[in-house]
């Protein structure tokens, strides 16, 4: 879905992808990027990569 939004987005569209994650301090942080692939703290991608490593 995220890739579809990136492909369909026009130059003047204002789309931000968000990643919510928790650090060891117990606080929840929000990361925002214009491209889904630029998110550094992305648990969906991390889980997918771990799954692919098992295959």
PDB file of N, CA and C in Angstrom:
ATOM      1  N   UNK A   1       0.815  -1.189   0.000  1.00  0.00           N
ATOM      2  CA  UNK A   1       0.000   0.000   0.000  1.00  0.00           C
ATOM      3  C   UNK A   1       0.866   1.263   0.000  1.00  0.00           C
ATOM      4  N   UNK A   2       1.926   1.268   0.806  1.00  0.00           N
ATOM      5  CA  UNK A   2       2.779   2.456   0.879  1.00  0.00           C
ATOM      6  C   UNK A   2       3.425   2.739  -0.468  1.00  0.00           C
ATOM      7  N   UNK A   3       3.878   1.692  -1.150  1.00  0.00           N
ATOM      8  CA  UNK A   3       4.503   1.875  -2.461  1.00  0.00           C
ATOM      9  C   UNK A   3       3.486   2.435  -3.451  1.00  0.00           C
ATOM     10  N   UNK A   4       2.248   1.979  -3.376  1.00  0.00           N
ATOM     11  CA  UNK A   4       1.190   2.484  -4.246  1.00  0.00           C
ATOM     12  C   UNK A   4       0.993   3.981  -4.032  1.00  0.00           C
ATOM     13  N   UNK A   5       0.977   4.408  -2.775  1.00  0.00           N
ATOM     14  CA  UNK A   5       0.797   5.835  -2.475  1.00  0.00           C
ATOM     15  C   UNK A   5       1.978   6.630  -3.010  1.00  0.00           C
ATOM     16  N   UNK A   6       3.211   6.104  -2.866  1.00  0.00           N
ATOM     17  CA  UNK A   6       4.389   6.801  -3.394  1.00  0.00           C
ATOM     18  C   UNK A   6       4.304   6.958  -4.904  1.00  0.00           C
ATOM     19  N   UNK A   7       3.887   5.918  -5.584  1.00  0.00           N
ATOM     20  CA  UNK A   7       3.809   5.942  -7.048  1.00  0.00           C
ATOM     21  C   UNK A   7       2.722   6.902  -7.525  1.00  0.00           C
ATOM     22  N   UNK A   8       1.581   6.908  -6.848  1.00  0.00           N
ATOM     23  CA  UNK A   8       0.437   7.717  -7.270  1.00  0.00           C
ATOM     24  C   UNK A   8       0.519   9.176  -6.825  1.00  0.00           C
ATOM     25  N   UNK A   9       1.409   9.489  -5.896  1.00  0.00           N
ATOM     26  CA  UNK A   9       1.485  10.848  -5.365  1.00  0.00           C
ATOM     27  C   UNK A   9       1.963  11.823  -6.434  1.00  0.00           C
ATOM     28  N   UNK A  10       1.330  12.942  -6.467  1.00  0.00           N
ATOM     29  CA  UNK A  10       1.736  14.021  -7.370  1.00  0.00           C
ATOM     30  C   UNK A  10       2.732  14.919  -6.637  1.00  0.00           C
ATOM     31  N   UNK A  11       3.423  15.747  -7.370  1.00  0.00           N
ATOM     32  CA  UNK A  11       4.459  16.586  -6.779  1.00  0.00           C
ATOM     33  C   UNK A  11       3.912  17.525  -5.708  1.00  0.00           C
ATOM     34  N   UNK A  12       2.694  18.011  -5.897  1.00  0.00           N
ATOM     35  CA  UNK A  12       2.127  18.962  -4.933  1.00  0.00           C
ATOM     36  C   UNK A  12       1.331  18.286  -3.809  1.00  0.00           C
ATOM     37  N   UNK A  13       1.249  16.944  -3.812  1.00  0.00           N
ATOM     38  CA  UNK A  13       0.579  16.225  -2.728  1.00  0.00           C
ATOM     39  C   UNK A  13       1.428  16.296  -1.467  1.00  0.00           C
ATOM     40  N   UNK A  14       0.771  16.411  -0.344  1.00  0.00           N
ATOM     41  CA  UNK A  14       1.468  16.472   0.939  1.00  0.00           C
ATOM     42  C   UNK A  14       1.213  15.167   1.689  1.00  0.00           C
ATOM     43  N   UNK A  15       2.069  14.185   1.437  1.00  0.00           N
ATOM     44  CA  UNK A  15       1.946  12.869   2.066  1.00  0.00           C
ATOM     45  C   UNK A  15       3.156  12.643   2.952  1.00  0.00           C
ATOM     46  N   UNK A  16       2.901  12.246   4.198  1.00  0.00           N
ATOM     47  CA  UNK A  16       3.972  11.877   5.117  1.00  0.00           C
ATOM     48  C   UNK A  16       3.692  10.478   5.643  1.00  0.00           C
ATOM     49  N   UNK A  17       4.731   9.649   5.698  1.00  0.00           N
ATOM     50  CA  UNK A  17       4.630   8.326   6.296  1.00  0.00           C
ATOM     51  C   UNK A  17       5.152   8.428   7.719  1.00  0.00           C
ATOM     52  N   UNK A  18       4.463   7.802   8.649  1.00  0.00           N
ATOM     53  CA  UNK A  18       4.816   7.882  10.065  1.00  0.00           C
ATOM     54  C   UNK A  18       5.209   6.503  10.582  1.00  0.00           C
ATOM     55  N   UNK A  19       6.157   6.490  11.474  1.00  0.00           N
ATOM     56  CA  UNK A  19       6.542   5.281  12.173  1.00  0.00           C
ATOM     57  C   UNK A  19       6.559   5.600  13.664  1.00  0.00           C
ATOM     58  N   UNK A  20       5.736   4.891  14.422  1.00  0.00           N
ATOM     59  CA  UNK A  20       5.722   5.037  15.875  1.00  0.00           C
ATOM     60  C   UNK A  20       6.541   3.899  16.457  1.00  0.00           C
ATOM     61  N   UNK A  21       7.438   4.231  17.362  1.00  0.00           N
ATOM     62  CA  UNK A  21       8.270   3.197  17.974  1.00  0.00           C
ATOM     63  C   UNK A  21       8.613   3.594  19.398  1.00  0.00           C
ATOM     64  N   UNK A  22       8.902   2.568  20.210  1.00  0.00           N
ATOM     65  CA  UNK A  22       9.209   2.792  21.619  1.00  0.00           C
ATOM     66  C   UNK A  22      10.685   2.486  21.857  1.00  0.00           C
ATOM     67  N   UNK A  23      11.339   3.359  22.605  1.00  0.00           N
ATOM     68  CA  UNK A  23      12.731   3.147  22.985  1.00  0.00           C
ATOM     69  C   UNK A  23      12.789   2.549  24.386  1.00  0.00           C
ATOM     70  N   UNK A  24      13.991   2.210  24.819  1.00  0.00           N
ATOM     71  CA  UNK A  24      14.185   1.597  26.132  1.00  0.00           C
ATOM     72  C   UNK A  24      13.743   2.502  27.279  1.00  0.00           C
ATOM     73  N   UNK A  25      13.648   3.802  27.028  1.00  0.00           N
ATOM     74  CA  UNK A  25      13.213   4.718  28.084  1.00  0.00           C
ATOM     75  C   UNK A  25      11.698   4.686  28.309  1.00  0.00           C
ATOM     76  N   UNK A  26      10.986   3.876  27.498  1.00  0.00           N
ATOM     77  CA  UNK A  26       9.549   3.719  27.647  1.00  0.00           C
ATOM     78  C   UNK A  26       8.722   4.763  26.913  1.00  0.00           C
ATOM     79  N   UNK A  27       9.367   5.745  26.301  1.00  0.00           N
ATOM     80  CA  UNK A  27       8.659   6.779  25.560  1.00  0.00           C
ATOM     81  C   UNK A  27       8.403   6.330  24.125  1.00  0.00           C
ATOM     82  N   UNK A  28       7.302   6.805  23.558  1.00  0.00           N
ATOM     83  CA  UNK A  28       6.961   6.506  22.169  1.00  0.00           C
ATOM     84  C   UNK A  28       7.409   7.680  21.309  1.00  0.00           C
ATOM     85  N   UNK A  29       8.106   7.367  20.222  1.00  0.00           N
ATOM     86  CA  UNK A  29       8.624   8.382  19.313  1.00  0.00           C
ATOM     87  C   UNK A  29       7.939   8.258  17.956  1.00  0.00           C
ATOM     88  N   UNK A  30       7.927   9.357  17.237  1.00  0.00           N
ATOM     89  CA  UNK A  30       7.313   9.412  15.911  1.00  0.00           C
ATOM     90  C   UNK A  30       8.359   9.869  14.905  1.00  0.00           C
ATOM     91  N   UNK A  31       8.522   9.100  13.851  1.00  0.00           N
ATOM     92  CA  UNK A  31       9.415   9.476  12.759  1.00  0.00           C
ATOM     93  C   UNK A  31       8.539   9.759  11.540  1.00  0.00           C
ATOM     94  N   UNK A  32       8.833  10.816  10.823  1.00  0.00           N
ATOM     95  CA  UNK A  32       8.052  11.201   9.649  1.00  0.00           C
ATOM     96  C   UNK A  32       8.974  11.366   8.447  1.00  0.00           C
ATOM     97  N   UNK A  33       8.592  10.754   7.332  1.00  0.00           N
ATOM     98  CA  UNK A  33       9.357  10.875   6.088  1.00  0.00           C
ATOM     99  C   UNK A  33       8.395  10.973   4.913  1.00  0.00           C
ATOM    100  N   UNK A  34       8.856  11.570   3.845  1.00  0.00           N
ATOM    101  CA  UNK A  34       8.034  11.685   2.632  1.00  0.00           C
ATOM    102  C   UNK A  34       8.008  10.386   1.835  1.00  0.00           C
ATOM    103  N   UNK A  35       9.024   9.537   2.005  1.00  0.00           N
ATOM    104  CA  UNK A  35       9.060   8.237   1.329  1.00  0.00           C
ATOM    105  C   UNK A  35       9.051   7.132   2.377  1.00  0.00           C
ATOM    106  N   UNK A  36       8.226   6.124   2.160  1.00  0.00           N
ATOM    107  CA  UNK A  36       8.117   5.007   3.099  1.00  0.00           C
ATOM    108  C   UNK A  36       9.465   4.325   3.315  1.00  0.00           C
ATOM    109  N   UNK A  37      10.227   4.184   2.261  1.00  0.00           N
ATOM    110  CA  UNK A  37      11.512   3.491   2.345  1.00  0.00           C
ATOM    111  C   UNK A  37      12.556   4.275   3.138  1.00  0.00           C
ATOM    112  N   UNK A  38      12.324   5.552   3.389  1.00  0.00           N
ATOM    113  CA  UNK A  38      13.272   6.372   4.149  1.00  0.00           C
ATOM    114  C   UNK A  38      13.099   6.238   5.663  1.00  0.00           C
ATOM    115  N   UNK A  39      12.019   5.583   6.101  1.00  0.00           N
ATOM    116  CA  UNK A  39      11.809   5.418   7.541  1.00  0.00           C
ATOM    117  C   UNK A  39      12.895   4.518   8.107  1.00  0.00           C
ATOM    118  N   UNK A  40      13.557   4.969   9.160  1.00  0.00           N
ATOM    119  CA  UNK A  40      14.623   4.200   9.788  1.00  0.00           C
ATOM    120  C   UNK A  40      14.085   3.220  10.821  1.00  0.00           C
ATOM    121  N   UNK A  41      13.104   3.614  11.575  1.00  0.00           N
ATOM    122  CA  UNK A  41      12.532   2.790  12.642  1.00  0.00           C
ATOM    123  C   UNK A  41      11.189   2.246  12.188  1.00  0.00           C
ATOM    124  N   UNK A  42      11.237   1.233  11.344  1.00  0.00           N
ATOM    125  CA  UNK A  42      10.024   0.712  10.743  1.00  0.00           C
ATOM    126  C   UNK A  42       9.874  -0.759  11.126  1.00  0.00           C
ATOM    127  N   UNK A  43       9.014  -1.042  12.100  1.00  0.00           N
ATOM    128  CA  UNK A  43       8.857  -2.409  12.585  1.00  0.00           C
ATOM    129  C   UNK A  43       8.246  -3.334  11.533  1.00  0.00           C
ATOM    130  N   UNK A  44       7.460  -2.804  10.604  1.00  0.00           N
ATOM    131  CA  UNK A  44       6.884  -3.631   9.546  1.00  0.00           C
ATOM    132  C   UNK A  44       7.992  -4.161   8.652  1.00  0.00           C
ATOM    133  N   UNK A  45       8.891  -3.293   8.222  1.00  0.00           N
ATOM    134  CA  UNK A  45       9.994  -3.706   7.358  1.00  0.00           C
ATOM    135  C   UNK A  45      10.953  -4.628   8.121  1.00  0.00           C
ATOM    136  N   UNK A  46      11.231  -4.310   9.376  1.00  0.00           N
ATOM    137  CA  UNK A  46      12.118  -5.137  10.191  1.00  0.00           C
ATOM    138  C   UNK A  46      11.557  -6.546  10.344  1.00  0.00           C
ATOM    139  N   UNK A  47      10.265  -6.666  10.612  1.00  0.00           N
ATOM    140  CA  UNK A  47       9.629  -7.975  10.754  1.00  0.00           C
ATOM    141  C   UNK A  47       9.645  -8.714   9.420  1.00  0.00           C
ATOM    142  N   UNK A  48       9.410  -8.026   8.336  1.00  0.00           N
ATOM    143  CA  UNK A  48       9.434  -8.659   7.012  1.00  0.00           C
ATOM    144  C   UNK A  48      10.828  -9.183   6.684  1.00  0.00           C
ATOM    145  N   UNK A  49      11.853  -8.379   6.965  1.00  0.00           N
ATOM    146  CA  UNK A  49      13.226  -8.809   6.695  1.00  0.00           C
ATOM    147  C   UNK A  49      13.607 -10.008   7.551  1.00  0.00           C
ATOM    148  N   UNK A  50      13.183 -10.031   8.801  1.00  0.00           N
ATOM    149  CA  UNK A  50      13.450 -11.181   9.678  1.00  0.00           C
ATOM    150  C   UNK A  50      12.757 -12.424   9.146  1.00  0.00           C
ATOM    151  N   UNK A  51      11.544 -12.278   8.652  1.00  0.00           N
ATOM    152  CA  UNK A  51      10.811 -13.401   8.082  1.00  0.00           C
ATOM    153  C   UNK A  51      11.510 -13.930   6.837  1.00  0.00           C
ATOM    154  N   UNK A  52      11.973 -13.029   5.986  1.00  0.00           N
ATOM    155  CA  UNK A  52      12.661 -13.437   4.763  1.00  0.00           C
ATOM    156  C   UNK A  52      13.992 -14.129   5.076  1.00  0.00           C
ATOM    157  N   UNK A  53      14.662 -13.732   6.164  1.00  0.00           N
ATOM    158  CA  UNK A  53      15.904 -14.393   6.564  1.00  0.00           C
ATOM    159  C   UNK A  53      15.654 -15.833   6.976  1.00  0.00           C
ATOM    160  N   UNK A  54      14.449 -16.131   7.490  1.00  0.00           N
ATOM    161  CA  UNK A  54      14.114 -17.475   7.901  1.00  0.00           C
ATOM    162  C   UNK A  54      13.804 -18.380   6.721  1.00  0.00           C
ATOM    163  N   UNK A  55      13.377 -17.801   5.634  1.00  0.00           N
ATOM    164  CA  UNK A  55      12.971 -18.595   4.455  1.00  0.00           C
ATOM    165  C   UNK A  55      14.128 -19.110   3.704  1.00  0.00           C
TER     166      UNK A  55
END
